[in-house]
Structures are given as C-alpha cells and as structure tokens.
Amino acid sequence: MAAAEDKKMFLVIESGNVAQPFRWSAGTYGSKFLTEIRDNKKFWGIKCPKCGKVYVPIRSVCGPCYAEMTELVPVSDEGNLITFSVVSFGFVDPSTGKQKPVPYGYAVIKLDGADSYLIHYIDETDPEKLKAGMRVRAVFEEDGKRTGSMMDIKHFELI
C-alpha cells in the first residue's frame, strides 16, 4: 500500500518516544466525520430517520429509537456552550505523550444543527468569563497539520 493511502486509512499514535502502532477503523460514518474536519474544516452529523435527531459526532444507531442511521447532514462549526470545566492539574496527554499545560478549559458544546453534544477544549481558562449559553466557534489546526483526528479541532473560542 502506498504511503499516501496508508496515511488516509490508518492511525499511528506516538506517545513520547514510543510509537503505538495501533490500526483501527472509525467506520464509514466516523471516517466521513474525521476526514471532513481534516480536509475541509467542516462538521457533519447523522440524522435519525424515525425521530429526526442529528448526532455529532456521528454514530450508526439512534439511542432512543434504535433505528439505523445513514443520512449525513452538514452542521455548523458554531454552537452553544452547554457546560464547562477549567482544569488546573497537569497530566500526560495521551494524544501527544506530553504534559498538558494548565490551566485549560474543557467544554460540552451543542453545535447549531445538532441535537447531541460534542466535548472538546475551549480557549478560555477564566471561569468567571464563561457562562452556559455563550456562543462558540471551532478553531481548526492549520492546513497541512491536520491528521484526521478530533485534535484537528484545536479548541473552541468564544464569539
């Protein structure tokens, strides 16, 4: 398999100086979700044919209905802050193998057009400046640096 093809189909995570050569598939819909973020900086959800709920990140079965979902729909890169936490203790970030700088913000976000929540970093670290309901927007990693993972979203920023 060519190197370019290998990069698109497999994930290799490095943790510090040790390579973790895990190969896994995000599935048809999960792959669409991740590659659209990587290649186009766009979010996609999946819509339940029974209840109409739109899920982000994508999953294949609706929780309440148990219906199989196949209809992909675009959703916004903006949404509402549902809840948040400002973390003030350090740990080794499993996605990089490096100490995570503190403090950092972590948030539950409901993107416009979605009915489920996305959990990710937020760039604000002062809890006094954060409030449920605030508007946020995704900030993506620079072109050429995106790898097809959730970390292609650097963080969400207040708008």
N, C-alpha and C. Protein backbone atom coordinates (compact mmCIF):
# COMPACT_ATOMS: atom_id res chain seq x y z
N MET A 1 0.85 -1.18 0.00
CA MET A 1 0.00 0.00 0.00
C MET A 1 0.89 1.24 0.00
N ALA A 2 0.57 2.21 -0.82
CA ALA A 2 1.35 3.44 -0.91
C ALA A 2 1.27 4.22 0.39
N ALA A 3 2.30 5.01 0.65
CA ALA A 3 2.36 5.78 1.90
C ALA A 3 1.19 6.74 2.04
N ALA A 4 0.80 7.40 0.94
CA ALA A 4 -0.34 8.35 1.00
C ALA A 4 -1.62 7.62 1.33
N GLU A 5 -1.83 6.44 0.75
CA GLU A 5 -3.01 5.66 1.05
C GLU A 5 -2.98 5.18 2.49
N ASP A 6 -1.80 4.77 2.94
CA ASP A 6 -1.65 4.29 4.32
C ASP A 6 -2.02 5.38 5.31
N LYS A 7 -1.63 6.63 5.04
CA LYS A 7 -1.92 7.75 5.93
C LYS A 7 -3.42 7.99 6.06
N LYS A 8 -4.16 7.79 4.97
CA LYS A 8 -5.59 8.03 5.00
C LYS A 8 -6.36 6.93 5.72
N MET A 9 -5.85 5.73 5.72
CA MET A 9 -6.62 4.59 6.21
C MET A 9 -6.26 4.17 7.63
N PHE A 10 -5.08 4.54 8.12
CA PHE A 10 -4.65 4.03 9.41
C PHE A 10 -4.18 5.15 10.32
N LEU A 11 -4.26 4.89 11.60
CA LEU A 11 -3.86 5.86 12.60
C LEU A 11 -2.69 5.29 13.38
N VAL A 12 -1.62 6.05 13.49
CA VAL A 12 -0.49 5.67 14.32
C VAL A 12 -0.34 6.77 15.36
N ILE A 13 -0.44 6.40 16.63
CA ILE A 13 -0.31 7.37 17.71
C ILE A 13 1.06 7.21 18.34
N GLU A 14 1.75 8.31 18.53
CA GLU A 14 3.03 8.28 19.21
C GLU A 14 2.86 8.90 20.58
N SER A 15 3.42 8.24 21.57
CA SER A 15 3.33 8.72 22.94
C SER A 15 4.75 8.90 23.44
N GLY A 16 5.20 10.14 23.46
CA GLY A 16 6.58 10.39 23.85
C GLY A 16 7.51 9.82 22.80
N ASN A 17 8.45 8.97 23.22
CA ASN A 17 9.41 8.38 22.30
C ASN A 17 9.00 6.99 21.84
N VAL A 18 7.84 6.51 22.25
CA VAL A 18 7.42 5.16 21.92
C VAL A 18 6.25 5.20 20.95
N ALA A 19 6.39 4.56 19.79
CA ALA A 19 5.31 4.51 18.82
C ALA A 19 4.28 3.48 19.26
N GLN A 20 3.02 3.81 19.11
CA GLN A 20 1.91 2.90 19.41
C GLN A 20 1.27 2.56 18.06
N PRO A 21 1.69 1.51 17.39
CA PRO A 21 1.22 1.25 16.02
C PRO A 21 -0.16 0.60 15.95
N PHE A 22 -1.13 1.23 16.57
CA PHE A 22 -2.49 0.70 16.54
C PHE A 22 -3.14 1.07 15.21
N ARG A 23 -3.84 0.12 14.63
CA ARG A 23 -4.56 0.37 13.40
C ARG A 23 -6.01 0.02 13.66
N TRP A 24 -6.90 0.99 13.42
CA TRP A 24 -8.31 0.78 13.67
C TRP A 24 -9.10 1.58 12.65
N SER A 25 -10.33 1.24 12.52
CA SER A 25 -11.21 1.93 11.60
C SER A 25 -12.26 2.70 12.39
N ALA A 26 -12.51 3.92 11.97
CA ALA A 26 -13.57 4.71 12.59
C ALA A 26 -14.92 4.36 11.96
N GLY A 27 -14.92 3.46 10.97
CA GLY A 27 -16.14 3.08 10.28
C GLY A 27 -16.47 4.06 9.18
N THR A 28 -17.45 3.71 8.39
CA THR A 28 -17.83 4.52 7.24
C THR A 28 -18.20 5.95 7.65
N TYR A 29 -19.07 6.08 8.64
CA TYR A 29 -19.56 7.40 9.01
C TYR A 29 -18.57 8.16 9.88
N GLY A 30 -17.91 7.48 10.80
CA GLY A 30 -16.89 8.12 11.61
C GLY A 30 -15.74 8.63 10.75
N SER A 31 -15.39 7.86 9.73
CA SER A 31 -14.33 8.29 8.81
C SER A 31 -14.75 9.54 8.05
N LYS A 32 -16.00 9.59 7.63
CA LYS A 32 -16.51 10.79 6.94
C LYS A 32 -16.41 12.00 7.87
N PHE A 33 -16.81 11.82 9.12
CA PHE A 33 -16.75 12.90 10.10
C PHE A 33 -15.32 13.43 10.24
N LEU A 34 -14.37 12.52 10.44
CA LEU A 34 -12.98 12.92 10.67
C LEU A 34 -12.30 13.46 9.41
N THR A 35 -12.56 12.86 8.26
CA THR A 35 -11.91 13.35 7.04
C THR A 35 -12.47 14.70 6.60
N GLU A 36 -13.75 14.97 6.86
CA GLU A 36 -14.30 16.28 6.53
C GLU A 36 -13.69 17.37 7.42
N ILE A 37 -13.43 17.05 8.68
CA ILE A 37 -12.75 18.01 9.55
C ILE A 37 -11.33 18.22 9.03
N ARG A 38 -10.65 17.13 8.71
CA ARG A 38 -9.26 17.22 8.25
C ARG A 38 -9.15 17.97 6.92
N ASP A 39 -9.96 17.58 5.94
CA ASP A 39 -9.80 18.09 4.59
C ASP A 39 -10.52 19.41 4.32
N ASN A 40 -11.65 19.63 4.98
CA ASN A 40 -12.49 20.79 4.65
C ASN A 40 -12.87 21.68 5.83
N LYS A 41 -12.43 21.31 7.04
CA LYS A 41 -12.78 22.07 8.25
C LYS A 41 -14.30 22.22 8.36
N LYS A 42 -15.01 21.11 8.13
CA LYS A 42 -16.48 21.10 8.19
C LYS A 42 -16.95 19.95 9.08
N PHE A 43 -18.08 20.20 9.75
CA PHE A 43 -18.70 19.18 10.60
C PHE A 43 -19.89 18.56 9.88
N TRP A 44 -20.03 17.26 10.05
CA TRP A 44 -21.19 16.52 9.55
C TRP A 44 -21.81 15.78 10.71
N GLY A 45 -23.12 15.67 10.67
CA GLY A 45 -23.86 14.87 11.63
C GLY A 45 -24.58 13.76 10.89
N ILE A 46 -25.28 12.94 11.64
CA ILE A 46 -26.08 11.88 11.04
C ILE A 46 -27.48 11.97 11.63
N LYS A 47 -28.49 11.84 10.75
CA LYS A 47 -29.88 12.10 11.14
C LYS A 47 -30.66 10.79 11.28
N CYS A 48 -31.43 10.70 12.38
CA CYS A 48 -32.28 9.54 12.61
C CYS A 48 -33.50 9.61 11.69
N PRO A 49 -33.80 8.52 10.97
CA PRO A 49 -34.97 8.54 10.08
C PRO A 49 -36.30 8.49 10.83
N LYS A 50 -36.27 8.08 12.12
CA LYS A 50 -37.52 7.99 12.90
C LYS A 50 -37.82 9.28 13.65
N CYS A 51 -36.87 9.72 14.48
CA CYS A 51 -37.15 10.89 15.33
C CYS A 51 -36.58 12.19 14.79
N GLY A 52 -35.68 12.11 13.82
CA GLY A 52 -35.12 13.31 13.21
C GLY A 52 -33.95 13.92 13.96
N LYS A 53 -33.52 13.32 15.08
CA LYS A 53 -32.38 13.86 15.82
C LYS A 53 -31.11 13.76 14.99
N VAL A 54 -30.25 14.77 15.12
CA VAL A 54 -28.97 14.80 14.43
C VAL A 54 -27.86 14.64 15.47
N TYR A 55 -27.00 13.66 15.22
CA TYR A 55 -25.93 13.34 16.17
C TYR A 55 -24.57 13.78 15.65
N VAL A 56 -23.82 14.45 16.52
CA VAL A 56 -22.43 14.83 16.30
C VAL A 56 -21.69 14.56 17.60
N PRO A 57 -20.62 13.78 17.60
CA PRO A 57 -20.07 13.03 16.48
C PRO A 57 -21.05 11.97 15.99
N ILE A 58 -20.76 11.51 14.78
CA ILE A 58 -21.62 10.55 14.10
C ILE A 58 -21.58 9.20 14.80
N ARG A 59 -22.75 8.56 14.85
CA ARG A 59 -22.88 7.18 15.33
C ARG A 59 -23.83 6.47 14.37
N SER A 60 -23.92 5.18 14.42
CA SER A 60 -24.73 4.47 13.42
C SER A 60 -26.14 4.13 13.88
N VAL A 61 -26.40 4.20 15.19
CA VAL A 61 -27.71 3.83 15.71
C VAL A 61 -28.22 4.94 16.63
N CYS A 62 -29.50 5.31 16.48
CA CYS A 62 -30.11 6.31 17.34
C CYS A 62 -30.37 5.70 18.72
N GLY A 63 -29.92 6.36 19.76
CA GLY A 63 -30.11 5.85 21.12
C GLY A 63 -31.55 5.64 21.52
N PRO A 64 -32.42 6.66 21.41
CA PRO A 64 -33.82 6.48 21.81
C PRO A 64 -34.62 5.55 20.91
N CYS A 65 -34.35 5.58 19.59
CA CYS A 65 -35.18 4.84 18.63
C CYS A 65 -34.61 3.47 18.25
N TYR A 66 -33.33 3.28 18.45
CA TYR A 66 -32.63 2.08 17.98
C TYR A 66 -32.71 1.93 16.47
N ALA A 67 -32.92 3.02 15.76
CA ALA A 67 -33.00 2.98 14.30
C ALA A 67 -31.61 3.14 13.71
N GLU A 68 -31.36 2.42 12.63
CA GLU A 68 -30.10 2.59 11.91
C GLU A 68 -30.13 3.94 11.20
N MET A 69 -29.02 4.66 11.26
CA MET A 69 -28.95 5.98 10.64
C MET A 69 -27.95 5.95 9.49
N THR A 70 -28.33 6.55 8.37
CA THR A 70 -27.46 6.59 7.19
C THR A 70 -27.42 7.96 6.53
N GLU A 71 -28.31 8.88 6.92
CA GLU A 71 -28.38 10.18 6.25
C GLU A 71 -27.42 11.18 6.90
N LEU A 72 -26.37 11.53 6.17
CA LEU A 72 -25.41 12.53 6.65
C LEU A 72 -25.93 13.92 6.34
N VAL A 73 -25.79 14.82 7.32
CA VAL A 73 -26.24 16.20 7.15
C VAL A 73 -25.15 17.16 7.65
N PRO A 74 -24.96 18.29 6.96
CA PRO A 74 -23.98 19.25 7.44
C PRO A 74 -24.49 19.96 8.69
N VAL A 75 -23.58 20.27 9.60
CA VAL A 75 -23.90 21.08 10.78
C VAL A 75 -22.86 22.19 10.88
N SER A 76 -23.16 23.18 11.65
CA SER A 76 -22.31 24.36 11.77
C SER A 76 -21.06 24.08 12.60
N ASP A 77 -20.05 24.93 12.43
CA ASP A 77 -18.88 24.88 13.30
C ASP A 77 -19.05 25.84 14.48
N GLU A 78 -20.25 26.41 14.62
CA GLU A 78 -20.59 27.27 15.74
C GLU A 78 -21.71 26.63 16.55
N GLY A 79 -21.78 27.00 17.82
CA GLY A 79 -22.82 26.46 18.66
C GLY A 79 -22.86 27.13 20.02
N ASN A 80 -23.51 26.46 20.97
CA ASN A 80 -23.67 26.99 22.32
C ASN A 80 -22.85 26.19 23.33
N LEU A 81 -22.28 26.91 24.26
CA LEU A 81 -21.59 26.30 25.39
C LEU A 81 -22.66 25.78 26.35
N ILE A 82 -22.66 24.48 26.60
CA ILE A 82 -23.65 23.88 27.49
C ILE A 82 -23.15 23.88 28.92
N THR A 83 -21.95 23.41 29.11
CA THR A 83 -21.29 23.43 30.43
C THR A 83 -19.79 23.39 30.20
N PHE A 84 -19.02 23.62 31.25
CA PHE A 84 -17.57 23.70 31.09
C PHE A 84 -16.88 23.37 32.39
N SER A 85 -15.59 23.16 32.28
CA SER A 85 -14.73 22.97 33.45
C SER A 85 -13.38 23.57 33.11
N VAL A 86 -12.76 24.21 34.08
CA VAL A 86 -11.40 24.69 33.91
C VAL A 86 -10.53 23.77 34.76
N VAL A 87 -9.64 23.05 34.08
CA VAL A 87 -8.80 22.04 34.74
C VAL A 87 -7.49 22.67 35.16
N SER A 88 -7.12 22.46 36.42
CA SER A 88 -5.92 23.08 36.97
C SER A 88 -4.90 22.08 37.45
N PHE A 89 -5.02 20.83 37.02
CA PHE A 89 -4.00 19.84 37.37
C PHE A 89 -3.42 19.25 36.10
N GLY A 90 -2.12 19.02 36.11
CA GLY A 90 -1.45 18.52 34.92
C GLY A 90 -1.53 17.01 34.80
N PHE A 91 -1.40 16.52 33.60
CA PHE A 91 -1.34 15.09 33.32
C PHE A 91 -0.67 14.91 31.96
N VAL A 92 -0.30 13.70 31.65
CA VAL A 92 0.28 13.41 30.34
C VAL A 92 -0.86 13.21 29.36
N ASP A 93 -0.86 14.02 28.32
CA ASP A 93 -1.90 13.96 27.29
C ASP A 93 -1.66 12.71 26.44
N PRO A 94 -2.63 11.76 26.42
CA PRO A 94 -2.40 10.53 25.66
C PRO A 94 -2.30 10.73 24.16
N SER A 95 -2.80 11.84 23.64
CA SER A 95 -2.71 12.07 22.20
C SER A 95 -1.34 12.61 21.78
N THR A 96 -0.58 13.17 22.73
CA THR A 96 0.74 13.71 22.39
C THR A 96 1.88 13.08 23.18
N GLY A 97 1.56 12.49 24.33
CA GLY A 97 2.61 11.94 25.19
C GLY A 97 3.34 13.01 25.97
N LYS A 98 2.83 14.24 25.95
CA LYS A 98 3.48 15.36 26.63
C LYS A 98 2.60 15.87 27.75
N GLN A 99 3.24 16.53 28.72
CA GLN A 99 2.50 17.13 29.83
C GLN A 99 1.54 18.18 29.29
N LYS A 100 0.27 18.09 29.68
CA LYS A 100 -0.74 19.05 29.25
C LYS A 100 -0.57 20.33 30.07
N PRO A 101 -0.37 21.48 29.39
CA PRO A 101 -0.24 22.74 30.14
C PRO A 101 -1.54 23.07 30.87
N VAL A 102 -1.41 23.62 32.06
CA VAL A 102 -2.58 24.01 32.84
C VAL A 102 -2.52 25.51 33.10
N PRO A 103 -3.64 26.15 33.33
CA PRO A 103 -4.98 25.58 33.25
C PRO A 103 -5.43 25.46 31.79
N TYR A 104 -6.47 24.66 31.57
CA TYR A 104 -7.09 24.59 30.27
C TYR A 104 -8.59 24.41 30.45
N GLY A 105 -9.33 24.85 29.45
CA GLY A 105 -10.78 24.75 29.51
C GLY A 105 -11.27 23.54 28.73
N TYR A 106 -12.28 22.90 29.27
CA TYR A 106 -12.91 21.74 28.65
C TYR A 106 -14.39 22.02 28.64
N ALA A 107 -15.07 21.75 27.52
CA ALA A 107 -16.46 22.18 27.40
C ALA A 107 -17.33 21.14 26.72
N VAL A 108 -18.61 21.21 27.04
CA VAL A 108 -19.64 20.47 26.33
C VAL A 108 -20.33 21.48 25.42
N ILE A 109 -20.37 21.16 24.12
CA ILE A 109 -20.84 22.12 23.12
C ILE A 109 -21.94 21.48 22.29
N LYS A 110 -22.98 22.24 22.02
CA LYS A 110 -24.05 21.80 21.12
C LYS A 110 -23.94 22.64 19.85
N LEU A 111 -23.47 22.00 18.78
CA LEU A 111 -23.32 22.71 17.51
C LEU A 111 -24.68 23.03 16.91
N ASP A 112 -24.77 24.15 16.22
CA ASP A 112 -26.01 24.51 15.52
C ASP A 112 -26.33 23.43 14.49
N GLY A 113 -27.54 22.92 14.52
CA GLY A 113 -27.96 21.87 13.61
C GLY A 113 -27.85 20.48 14.20
N ALA A 114 -27.27 20.36 15.39
CA ALA A 114 -27.11 19.06 16.05
C ALA A 114 -28.01 18.99 17.27
N ASP A 115 -28.38 17.77 17.64
CA ASP A 115 -29.19 17.55 18.84
C ASP A 115 -28.39 16.91 19.96
N SER A 116 -27.16 16.51 19.68
CA SER A 116 -26.30 15.89 20.69
C SER A 116 -25.15 16.85 21.00
N TYR A 117 -24.29 16.43 21.88
CA TYR A 117 -23.22 17.30 22.36
C TYR A 117 -21.85 16.79 21.93
N LEU A 118 -20.95 17.73 21.77
CA LEU A 118 -19.55 17.46 21.45
C LEU A 118 -18.72 17.96 22.62
N ILE A 119 -17.77 17.17 23.05
CA ILE A 119 -16.90 17.56 24.16
C ILE A 119 -15.52 17.88 23.60
N HIS A 120 -15.03 19.06 23.95
CA HIS A 120 -13.71 19.45 23.42
C HIS A 120 -13.13 20.59 24.27
N TYR A 121 -11.92 21.00 23.90
CA TYR A 121 -11.25 22.09 24.60
C TYR A 121 -11.87 23.43 24.22
N ILE A 122 -11.79 24.37 25.16
CA ILE A 122 -12.20 25.75 24.92
C ILE A 122 -11.03 26.64 25.30
N ASP A 123 -10.84 27.74 24.59
CA ASP A 123 -9.62 28.54 24.79
C ASP A 123 -9.68 29.45 26.01
N GLU A 124 -10.81 29.63 26.63
CA GLU A 124 -10.91 30.49 27.82
C GLU A 124 -10.64 29.66 29.07
N THR A 125 -9.82 30.21 29.98
CA THR A 125 -9.49 29.48 31.21
C THR A 125 -9.93 30.21 32.48
N ASP A 126 -10.59 31.33 32.32
CA ASP A 126 -11.11 32.06 33.47
C ASP A 126 -12.59 31.70 33.65
N PRO A 127 -12.92 30.92 34.69
CA PRO A 127 -14.31 30.50 34.86
C PRO A 127 -15.28 31.67 35.04
N GLU A 128 -14.77 32.82 35.46
CA GLU A 128 -15.62 34.00 35.63
C GLU A 128 -16.08 34.56 34.27
N LYS A 129 -15.35 34.23 33.21
CA LYS A 129 -15.69 34.73 31.88
C LYS A 129 -16.52 33.75 31.07
N LEU A 130 -16.81 32.59 31.65
CA LEU A 130 -17.58 31.56 30.95
C LEU A 130 -18.96 31.42 31.56
N LYS A 131 -19.95 31.19 30.70
CA LYS A 131 -21.32 31.03 31.17
C LYS A 131 -22.06 30.13 30.18
N ALA A 132 -22.85 29.22 30.71
CA ALA A 132 -23.66 28.36 29.85
C ALA A 132 -24.49 29.21 28.91
N GLY A 133 -24.59 28.79 27.67
CA GLY A 133 -25.36 29.51 26.67
C GLY A 133 -24.52 30.41 25.78
N MET A 134 -23.26 30.65 26.17
CA MET A 134 -22.40 31.51 25.34
C MET A 134 -22.19 30.85 23.99
N ARG A 135 -21.95 31.68 22.98
CA ARG A 135 -21.69 31.20 21.63
C ARG A 135 -20.20 30.89 21.46
N VAL A 136 -19.93 29.80 20.76
CA VAL A 136 -18.55 29.37 20.50
C VAL A 136 -18.41 28.97 19.04
N ARG A 137 -17.16 28.95 18.58
CA ARG A 137 -16.83 28.57 17.20
C ARG A 137 -15.58 27.69 17.24
N ALA A 138 -15.55 26.69 16.37
CA ALA A 138 -14.38 25.81 16.27
C ALA A 138 -13.20 26.55 15.66
N VAL A 139 -12.02 26.30 16.21
CA VAL A 139 -10.76 26.77 15.64
C VAL A 139 -10.01 25.51 15.24
N PHE A 140 -9.69 25.40 13.95
CA PHE A 140 -9.07 24.20 13.42
C PHE A 140 -7.55 24.35 13.36
N GLU A 141 -6.89 23.21 13.40
CA GLU A 141 -5.45 23.16 13.21
C GLU A 141 -5.15 23.72 11.82
N GLU A 142 -3.93 24.22 11.64
CA GLU A 142 -3.53 24.81 10.36
C GLU A 142 -3.56 23.77 9.24
N ASP A 143 -3.72 24.25 7.99
CA ASP A 143 -3.64 23.38 6.82
C ASP A 143 -2.29 22.68 6.82
N GLY A 144 -2.31 21.43 6.45
CA GLY A 144 -1.08 20.64 6.40
C GLY A 144 -0.72 19.99 7.72
N LYS A 145 -1.36 20.43 8.82
CA LYS A 145 -1.08 19.86 10.13
C LYS A 145 -2.21 18.97 10.63
N ARG A 146 -3.35 18.97 9.93
CA ARG A 146 -4.47 18.14 10.34
C ARG A 146 -4.21 16.69 9.96
N THR A 147 -4.59 15.77 10.85
CA THR A 147 -4.24 14.36 10.66
C THR A 147 -5.43 13.42 10.57
N GLY A 148 -6.64 13.94 10.73
CA GLY A 148 -7.81 13.06 10.69
C GLY A 148 -8.23 12.59 12.06
N SER A 149 -8.02 13.41 13.07
CA SER A 149 -8.44 13.08 14.44
C SER A 149 -9.22 14.25 15.04
N MET A 150 -9.81 14.02 16.19
CA MET A 150 -10.53 15.09 16.87
C MET A 150 -9.60 16.24 17.25
N MET A 151 -8.31 15.98 17.32
CA MET A 151 -7.37 17.04 17.66
C MET A 151 -7.12 17.98 16.49
N ASP A 152 -7.73 17.70 15.32
CA ASP A 152 -7.70 18.65 14.22
C ASP A 152 -8.52 19.89 14.57
N ILE A 153 -9.36 19.78 15.60
CA ILE A 153 -10.03 20.93 16.18
C ILE A 153 -9.13 21.36 17.33
N LYS A 154 -8.44 22.49 17.18
CA LYS A 154 -7.53 22.95 18.23
C LYS A 154 -8.30 23.20 19.53
N HIS A 155 -9.42 23.94 19.38
CA HIS A 155 -10.26 24.29 20.52
C HIS A 155 -11.48 25.04 19.98
N PHE A 156 -12.35 25.41 20.86
CA PHE A 156 -13.46 26.29 20.53
C PHE A 156 -13.17 27.64 21.17
N GLU A 157 -13.56 28.71 20.50
CA GLU A 157 -13.35 30.05 21.03
C GLU A 157 -14.70 30.73 21.23
N LEU A 158 -14.72 31.67 22.17
CA LEU A 158 -15.93 32.45 22.41
C LEU A 158 -16.12 33.42 21.24
N ILE A 159 -17.39 33.60 20.82
CA ILE A 159 -17.67 34.57 19.75
C ILE A 159 -18.71 35.57 20.23
